[in-house]
C-alpha atoms as a PDB file:
ATOM      1  CA  MET A   1    -156.754 -82.714  13.465  1.00  0.00           C
ATOM      2  CA  SER A   2    -158.376 -80.051  11.255  1.00  0.00           C
ATOM      3  CA  ASP A   3    -161.172 -80.659   8.791  1.00  0.00           C
ATOM      4  CA  LYS A   4    -159.881 -81.147   5.208  1.00  0.00           C
ATOM      5  CA  LEU A   5    -162.963 -79.363   3.854  1.00  0.00           C
ATOM      6  CA  ASP A   6    -161.711 -76.111   5.442  1.00  0.00           C
ATOM      7  CA  ALA A   7    -159.565 -75.751   2.295  1.00  0.00           C
ATOM      8  CA  LEU A   8    -162.772 -74.977   0.382  1.00  0.00           C
ATOM      9  CA  VAL A   9    -163.779 -72.023   2.554  1.00  0.00           C
ATOM     10  CA  GLY A  10    -163.932 -68.896   0.369  1.00  0.00           C
ATOM     11  CA  LYS A  11    -163.986 -70.913  -2.846  1.00  0.00           C
ATOM     12  CA  GLU A  12    -166.644 -71.435  -5.528  1.00  0.00           C
ATOM     13  CA  SER A  13    -167.001 -73.765  -8.483  1.00  0.00           C
ATOM     14  CA  CYS A  14    -167.610 -72.785 -12.100  1.00  0.00           C
ATOM     15  CA  PRO A  15    -171.167 -73.723 -13.149  1.00  0.00           C
ATOM     16  CA  VAL A  16    -169.900 -74.790 -16.595  1.00  0.00           C
ATOM     17  CA  CYS A  17    -166.724 -76.818 -16.042  1.00  0.00           C
ATOM     18  CA  GLY A  18    -166.604 -77.237 -12.244  1.00  0.00           C
ATOM     19  CA  THR A  19    -163.181 -75.633 -11.679  1.00  0.00           C
ATOM     20  CA  ILE A  20    -162.731 -74.431  -8.095  1.00  0.00           C
ATOM     21  CA  THR A  21    -161.609 -70.787  -7.823  1.00  0.00           C
ATOM     22  CA  GLN A  22    -161.580 -67.992  -5.257  1.00  0.00           C
ATOM     23  CA  LYS A  23    -165.055 -66.648  -4.491  1.00  0.00           C
ATOM     24  CA  GLY A  24    -165.873 -63.488  -6.442  1.00  0.00           C
ATOM     25  CA  THR A  25    -163.883 -64.406  -9.552  1.00  0.00           C
ATOM     26  CA  GLY A  26    -165.833 -62.986 -12.483  1.00  0.00           C
ATOM     27  CA  ARG A  27    -164.379 -65.281 -15.136  1.00  0.00           C
ATOM     28  CA  CYS A  28    -163.377 -68.934 -14.945  1.00  0.00           C
ATOM     29  CA  PRO A  29    -159.621 -69.358 -15.566  1.00  0.00           C
ATOM     30  CA  GLU A  30    -160.175 -72.785 -17.182  1.00  0.00           C
ATOM     31  CA  CYS A  31    -163.088 -72.389 -19.623  1.00  0.00           C
ATOM     32  CA  GLY A  32    -163.240 -68.576 -19.801  1.00  0.00           C
ATOM     33  CA  THR A  33    -166.955 -68.361 -19.015  1.00  0.00           C
ATOM     34  CA  PHE A  34    -168.184 -65.184 -17.335  1.00  0.00           C
ATOM     35  CA  HIS A  35    -170.436 -66.175 -14.450  1.00  0.00           C
ATOM     36  CA  SER A  36    -171.171 -62.853 -12.850  1.00  0.00           C
ATOM     37  CA  GLY A  37    -171.815 -59.269 -13.808  1.00  0.00           C
ATOM     38  CA  ILE A  38    -168.600 -57.994 -12.204  1.00  0.00           C
ATOM     39  CA  HIS A  39    -166.936 -57.442 -15.586  1.00  0.00           C
ATOM     40  CA  LEU A  40    -169.833 -55.305 -16.892  1.00  0.00           C
ATOM     41  CA  GLU A  41    -169.932 -51.592 -16.339  1.00  0.00           C
ATOM     42  CA  GLU A  42    -172.951 -49.322 -16.671  1.00  0.00           C
ATOM     43  CA  ARG A  43    -172.471 -46.609 -19.288  1.00  0.00           C
ATOM     44  CA  PRO A  44    -174.781 -44.446 -21.398  1.00  0.00           C
ATOM     45  CA  ALA A  45    -175.419 -45.187 -25.077  1.00  0.00           C
ATOM     46  CA  PRO A  46    -173.343 -43.112 -27.512  1.00  0.00           C
ATOM     47  CA  THR A  47    -174.989 -40.112 -29.139  1.00  0.00           C
ATOM     48  CA  PRO A  48    -175.708 -40.275 -32.880  1.00  0.00           C
ATOM     49  CA  GLU A  49    -172.658 -38.071 -33.512  1.00  0.00           C
ATOM     50  CA  GLU A  50    -170.399 -40.493 -31.614  1.00  0.00           C
ATOM     51  CA  ARG A  51    -171.595 -43.588 -33.447  1.00  0.00           C
ATOM     52  CA  ALA A  52    -169.417 -45.044 -36.161  1.00  0.00           C
ATOM     53  CA  ILE A  53    -170.294 -44.000 -39.676  1.00  0.00           C
ATOM     54  CA  SER A  54    -171.246 -47.058 -41.702  1.00  0.00           C
ATOM     55  CA  ARG A  55    -169.232 -47.746 -44.826  1.00  0.00           C
ATOM     56  CA  GLU A  56    -170.514 -48.828 -48.194  1.00  0.00           C
ATOM     57  CA  ILE A  57    -170.521 -52.626 -48.363  1.00  0.00           C
ATOM     58  CA  ASP A  58    -169.863 -54.289 -51.687  1.00  0.00           C
ATOM     59  CA  PRO A  59    -171.530 -57.742 -51.842  1.00  0.00           C
ATOM     60  CA  LEU A  60    -168.643 -58.993 -53.990  1.00  0.00           C
ATOM     61  CA  ASP A  61    -166.377 -58.666 -50.928  1.00  0.00           C
ATOM     62  CA  TYR A  62    -168.126 -61.745 -49.555  1.00  0.00           C
ATOM     63  CA  SER A  63    -168.247 -63.794 -52.757  1.00  0.00           C
ATOM     64  CA  ILE A  64    -166.893 -67.357 -52.801  1.00  0.00           C
ATOM     65  CA  ASN A  65    -166.195 -67.112 -56.506  1.00  0.00           C
ATOM     66  CA  PRO A  66    -162.560 -68.202 -56.997  1.00  0.00           C
ATOM     67  CA  GLY A  67    -162.149 -65.603 -59.749  1.00  0.00           C
ATOM     68  CA  SER A  68    -163.108 -62.611 -57.607  1.00  0.00           C
ATOM     69  CA  ALA A  69    -160.411 -60.349 -56.203  1.00  0.00           C
ATOM     70  CA  ILE A  70    -159.838 -59.695 -52.516  1.00  0.00           C
ATOM     71  CA  ALA A  71    -160.937 -56.201 -51.529  1.00  0.00           C
ATOM     72  CA  ASP A  72    -158.354 -53.802 -50.134  1.00  0.00           C
ATOM     73  CA  GLU A  73    -159.020 -52.793 -46.543  1.00  0.00           C
ATOM     74  CA  ASP A  74    -158.034 -49.626 -44.770  1.00  0.00           C
ATOM     75  CA  PHE A  75    -157.164 -49.736 -41.082  1.00  0.00           C
ATOM     76  CA  GLU A  76    -157.105 -46.896 -38.633  1.00  0.00           C
ATOM     77  CA  GLY A  77    -153.751 -46.445 -36.977  1.00  0.00           C
ATOM     78  CA  ASP A  78    -150.326 -47.513 -38.115  1.00  0.00           C
ATOM     79  CA  GLU A  79    -149.288 -50.829 -39.632  1.00  0.00           C
ATOM     80  CA  SER A  80    -147.835 -52.042 -36.316  1.00  0.00           C
ATOM     81  CA  THR A  81    -151.371 -52.718 -35.049  1.00  0.00           C
ATOM     82  CA  VAL A  82    -152.080 -55.158 -37.909  1.00  0.00           C
ATOM     83  CA  LYS A  83    -150.777 -58.658 -37.256  1.00  0.00           C
ATOM     84  CA  SER A  84    -150.207 -61.264 -39.918  1.00  0.00           C
ATOM     85  CA  TRP A  85    -151.633 -64.713 -39.364  1.00  0.00           C
ATOM     86  CA  SER A  86    -150.103 -67.895 -40.671  1.00  0.00           C
ATOM     87  CA  GLY A  87    -151.044 -71.460 -40.109  1.00  0.00           C
ATOM     88  CA  GLY A  88    -154.133 -73.548 -40.401  1.00  0.00           C
ATOM     89  CA  ALA A  89    -155.077 -76.074 -43.023  1.00  0.00           C
ATOM     90  CA  THR A  90    -158.260 -74.599 -44.478  1.00  0.00           C
ATOM     91  CA  ASP A  91    -158.219 -74.753 -48.250  1.00  0.00           C
ATOM     92  CA  PHE A  92    -161.275 -73.595 -50.177  1.00  0.00           C
ATOM     93  CA  SER A  93    -159.839 -74.100 -53.671  1.00  0.00           C
ATOM     94  CA  PHE A  94    -161.705 -76.032 -56.332  1.00  0.00           C
ATOM     95  CA  VAL A  95    -159.679 -79.184 -57.020  1.00  0.00           C
ATOM     96  CA  ASP A  96    -162.204 -81.385 -58.879  1.00  0.00           C
ATOM     97  CA  ASP A  97    -161.111 -81.990 -62.461  1.00  0.00           C
ATOM     98  CA  GLU A  98    -164.402 -83.501 -63.554  1.00  0.00           C
ATOM     99  CA  PRO A  99    -167.834 -82.097 -62.762  1.00  0.00           C
ATOM    100  CA  VAL A 100    -170.360 -84.212 -60.896  1.00  0.00           C
ATOM    101  CA  LYS A 101    -172.178 -86.640 -63.187  1.00  0.00           C
ATOM    102  CA  ILE A 102    -175.921 -86.982 -62.759  1.00  0.00           C
ATOM    103  CA  GLN A 103    -177.122 -90.549 -63.008  1.00  0.00           C
ATOM    104  CA  LYS A 104    -180.703 -91.447 -63.741  1.00  0.00           C
ATOM    105  CA  ILE A 105    -181.923 -94.228 -61.460  1.00  0.00           C
ATOM    106  CA  GLU A 106    -185.160 -96.054 -62.110  1.00  0.00           C
ATOM    107  CA  ILE A 107    -187.237 -96.357 -58.975  1.00  0.00           C
ATOM    108  CA  PRO A 108    -189.628 -99.348 -58.893  1.00  0.00           C
ATOM    109  CA  LYS A 109    -193.320 -98.674 -58.423  1.00  0.00           C
ATOM    110  CA  SER A 110    -194.723 -99.237 -54.984  1.00  0.00           C
ATOM    111  CA  GLU A 111    -196.628-102.401 -54.197  1.00  0.00           C
ATOM    112  CA  GLU A 112    -199.946-102.399 -52.408  1.00  0.00           C
ATOM    113  CA  ILE A 113    -200.124-104.858 -49.561  1.00  0.00           C
ATOM    114  CA  GLU A 114    -203.588-106.108 -48.740  1.00  0.00           C
ATOM    115  CA  SER A 115    -204.519-107.385 -45.348  1.00  0.00           C
ATOM    116  CA  ASP A 116    -206.640-110.540 -44.880  1.00  0.00           C
END
C-alpha cells in the first residue's frame, strides 16, 4: 500500500488562495497571482529617443460635466485592433428632477452635568 501523500510530491500551494499546482509555476491558475520572479526578464531602460513622446492632455477630457463632449482618440494601427465593449450597468447620468433641499435644524444647547 503506497502513501497517499506521494501525490503531493513536486507540488506547491499558492500563498494567496491555497491552490495546489506543479512546483515552479510562476502564476496561480486560480487567482492569477504571480508568486515568483520567473515571469520577469532583465532588460535595460529605453534611451530618451526610444521613450514615448507625451501628448498634450486636455483637462476637459476627464470632466464629469454631462454637457462636455467626448474627445476623439487616435489609435496606432488599423481599426481591427480596437474592440467595442458592450454590457455593464453603470449609468452616470443625472436623473434627479429636484435639487437637494437644505433644511435648517435647531440643535439644543449642551447641558452641564455636575458631579456630587
